[in-house]
Protein backbone atom coordinates (compact mmCIF):
# COMPACT_ATOMS: atom_id res chain seq x y z
CA MET A 1 48.00 2.99 3.62
CA LYS A 2 45.68 6.10 4.05
CA ASN A 3 44.79 6.15 0.43
CA PHE A 4 44.04 2.36 0.52
CA LYS A 5 41.56 2.92 3.37
CA THR A 6 40.01 5.86 1.67
CA THR A 7 39.61 4.06 -1.72
CA THR A 8 38.06 0.81 0.26
CA ILE A 9 35.74 2.99 2.09
CA THR A 10 34.68 5.02 -1.01
CA ALA A 11 33.97 1.51 -2.75
CA PHE A 12 31.81 -0.11 -0.02
CA LEU A 13 29.86 3.09 0.07
CA LEU A 14 29.37 3.11 -3.59
CA VAL A 15 28.21 -0.29 -3.41
CA ALA A 16 25.98 0.06 -0.57
CA VAL A 17 24.10 3.35 -2.14
CA SER A 18 23.81 1.36 -5.58
CA SER A 19 22.48 -1.58 -3.95
CA LEU A 20 19.70 0.31 -1.90
CA ALA A 21 18.78 2.35 -4.96
CA GLY A 22 18.46 -0.86 -7.00
CA ALA A 23 16.40 -2.40 -4.41
CA ALA A 24 14.04 0.59 -4.00
CA MET A 25 13.31 0.32 -7.80
CA GLN A 26 10.15 -1.25 -9.09
CA ASP A 27 9.23 -1.76 -12.77
CA GLY A 28 12.32 0.32 -13.82
CA LYS A 29 11.07 3.59 -12.06
CA THR A 30 13.06 5.23 -9.49
CA PRO A 31 11.45 6.22 -6.16
CA VAL A 32 11.52 10.04 -5.41
CA HIS A 33 12.54 10.85 -1.74
CA GLY A 34 11.36 7.34 -0.64
CA GLU A 35 8.23 7.20 -2.50
CA HIS A 36 7.89 3.94 -4.65
CA GLN A 37 5.87 3.42 -7.84
CA HIS A 38 2.82 1.15 -7.81
CA GLY A 39 3.55 -1.69 -10.24
CA GLY A 40 0.93 -2.48 -12.63
CA HIS A 41 -0.10 -5.77 -13.98
CA GLU A 42 -2.90 -5.10 -16.59
CA ALA A 43 -5.07 -8.13 -15.77
CA GLU A 44 -4.85 -7.50 -11.95
CA SER A 45 -5.48 -3.65 -12.26
CA SER A 46 -8.57 -4.19 -14.17
CA LEU A 47 -9.81 -6.34 -11.42
CA ILE A 48 -8.57 -3.94 -8.70
CA GLY A 49 -10.29 -0.95 -10.33
CA LYS A 50 -9.21 2.59 -10.34
CA ALA A 51 -9.45 5.78 -8.21
CA SER A 52 -12.32 7.73 -8.84
CA ASP A 53 -13.72 11.34 -8.44
CA PRO A 54 -15.38 11.93 -5.00
CA ALA A 55 -18.36 13.45 -6.75
CA LYS A 56 -19.20 10.06 -7.95
CA VAL A 57 -19.30 8.23 -4.91
CA THR A 58 -22.37 5.72 -4.64
CA ARG A 59 -21.52 4.51 -1.11
CA THR A 60 -19.41 5.28 2.00
CA VAL A 61 -17.70 2.30 4.03
CA THR A 62 -16.26 3.13 7.28
CA VAL A 63 -12.96 1.08 8.06
CA ASP A 64 -11.34 1.03 11.32
CA MET A 65 -7.62 0.07 11.88
CA ASN A 66 -6.41 -0.78 15.06
CA ASP A 67 -3.34 -2.11 17.15
CA THR A 68 -4.79 -5.54 17.52
CA MET A 69 -3.62 -5.86 13.77
CA ARG A 70 -7.26 -5.92 12.13
CA PHE A 71 -9.38 -4.09 9.76
CA THR A 72 -12.92 -3.55 10.83
CA PRO A 73 -14.87 -4.92 8.68
CA ALA A 74 -12.21 -7.22 7.17
CA SER A 75 -14.66 -8.19 4.20
CA ILE A 76 -16.69 -5.54 2.36
CA SER A 77 -19.04 -6.39 -0.34
CA VAL A 78 -19.42 -4.07 -3.38
CA LYS A 79 -20.96 -4.27 -6.99
CA GLU A 80 -18.92 -4.13 -10.17
CA GLY A 81 -18.48 -0.32 -11.30
CA GLU A 82 -19.51 1.04 -7.70
CA VAL A 83 -17.56 3.98 -6.40
CA ILE A 84 -16.89 3.52 -2.82
CA ARG A 85 -15.35 5.96 -0.33
CA PHE A 86 -13.61 4.30 2.36
CA ALA A 87 -13.78 6.44 5.45
CA VAL A 88 -10.57 4.98 7.14
CA LYS A 89 -9.92 5.86 10.89
CA ASN A 90 -6.69 4.70 12.91
CA SER A 91 -8.21 4.21 16.39
CA GLY A 92 -4.84 2.55 17.59
CA LYS A 93 -1.36 4.00 19.19
CA LEU A 94 0.39 2.92 16.15
CA LYS A 95 0.80 4.29 12.62
CA HIS A 96 -1.34 1.93 10.33
CA GLU A 97 -2.60 2.32 6.48
CA MET A 98 -4.96 0.59 4.19
CA VAL A 99 -3.76 -0.19 0.67
CA ILE A 100 -5.77 -1.77 -2.03
CA GLY A 101 -4.23 -4.19 -4.34
CA SER A 102 -3.60 -7.83 -5.58
CA ALA A 103 -2.38 -10.23 -3.05
CA SER A 104 0.87 -10.74 -4.87
CA GLU A 105 1.40 -6.75 -5.05
CA LEU A 106 0.52 -6.30 -1.32
CA LYS A 107 3.09 -9.14 -0.27
CA GLU A 108 5.78 -7.74 -2.73
CA HIS A 109 5.08 -4.16 -0.91
CA ALA A 110 5.11 -5.65 2.42
CA GLN A 111 8.57 -7.07 2.02
CA LEU A 112 9.82 -3.72 0.33
CA MET A 113 8.59 -1.93 3.50
CA ALA A 114 10.42 -4.02 5.73
CA LYS A 115 13.57 -3.05 4.06
CA PHE A 116 12.46 0.63 3.76
CA PRO A 117 10.37 1.19 6.84
CA ASP A 118 10.44 5.07 6.35
CA MET A 119 9.12 4.79 2.69
CA GLU A 120 6.34 7.34 2.18
CA HIS A 121 3.29 6.66 0.08
CA ALA A 122 1.54 9.18 -2.26
CA GLU A 123 -0.72 7.09 -4.40
CA PRO A 124 -4.70 6.95 -4.74
CA ASN A 125 -4.93 3.56 -3.56
CA GLN A 126 -3.63 3.86 -0.13
CA VAL A 127 -4.33 5.83 2.95
CA THR A 128 -1.43 5.96 5.73
CA LEU A 129 -2.60 7.50 9.09
CA LEU A 130 -1.12 8.40 12.20
CA PRO A 131 -2.95 7.39 15.85
CA GLY A 132 -6.27 8.94 15.98
CA LYS A 133 -6.49 10.47 12.35
CA THR A 134 -8.71 9.65 9.81
CA GLY A 135 -8.62 9.67 5.78
CA ASN A 136 -10.39 8.55 2.75
CA ILE A 137 -9.86 6.35 -0.41
CA VAL A 138 -12.19 6.78 -3.28
CA TRP A 139 -12.13 3.81 -5.38
CA GLN A 140 -14.22 2.21 -8.32
CA PHE A 141 -14.00 -1.54 -8.54
CA GLY A 142 -13.76 -2.96 -12.11
CA LYS A 143 -14.75 -6.60 -12.43
CA ALA A 144 -16.43 -9.08 -10.03
CA GLY A 145 -14.15 -11.08 -8.05
CA LYS A 146 -11.82 -10.53 -4.97
CA VAL A 147 -9.59 -7.68 -4.21
CA ASP A 148 -7.36 -7.31 -1.30
CA PHE A 149 -6.35 -4.84 1.15
CA ALA A 150 -3.88 -4.80 3.89
CA CYS A 151 -1.71 -2.47 6.19
CA LEU A 152 1.80 -2.87 4.96
CA GLN A 153 3.50 -0.97 7.83
CA PRO A 154 6.51 -3.54 8.97
CA GLY A 155 5.33 -6.38 10.52
CA HIS A 156 1.51 -5.43 10.51
CA PHE A 157 0.70 -7.64 7.37
CA GLU A 158 2.60 -10.55 8.62
CA ALA A 159 0.48 -10.34 11.78
CA GLY A 160 -2.68 -10.68 9.88
CA MET A 161 -3.84 -6.74 9.15
CA LYS A 162 -5.54 -7.68 5.70
CA GLY A 163 -8.95 -7.78 4.42
CA GLN A 164 -10.80 -8.50 1.38
CA VAL A 165 -13.44 -6.79 -1.20
CA VAL A 166 -15.82 -9.08 -2.72
CA VAL A 167 -17.01 -7.48 -5.88
CA SER A 168 -20.16 -8.97 -7.30
CA ALA A 169 -21.45 -8.74 -10.92
CA LYS A 170 -23.97 -5.77 -11.66
């Protein structure tokens, strides 16, 4: 009887651990210490843009995050090819983040964050800030169109903590 219980518990733990590991995988890449890999869709990636060199910044845009689950400003206008430094401040009492991506990527990421709320981020398209802290994202926007950003801390995206960058042609 004791061996049966031990075997059952061991089997249960193996299934649970493999389920968590599988759920945390994206695009066939395994996260390290709770970090995840940002999935890339070629068309979306070219629209979204890319991380850029801070020495090439053409303009700084200050973005405030607060506990009303809003970004200020929530709409930002830039030109194609422009390199923007987002100077991001968390003026709230909760942890917030700004993540740049496509609407579908942000929604998928928000769902993953709900399952794994302690997930850490270390990617150039985002900054996670504790209350009262500031940080930067340096980003170059590729093509004319609309690029989304959001806070993906559990519940924040669902509460409407989203914004949009409108990229106009040169």
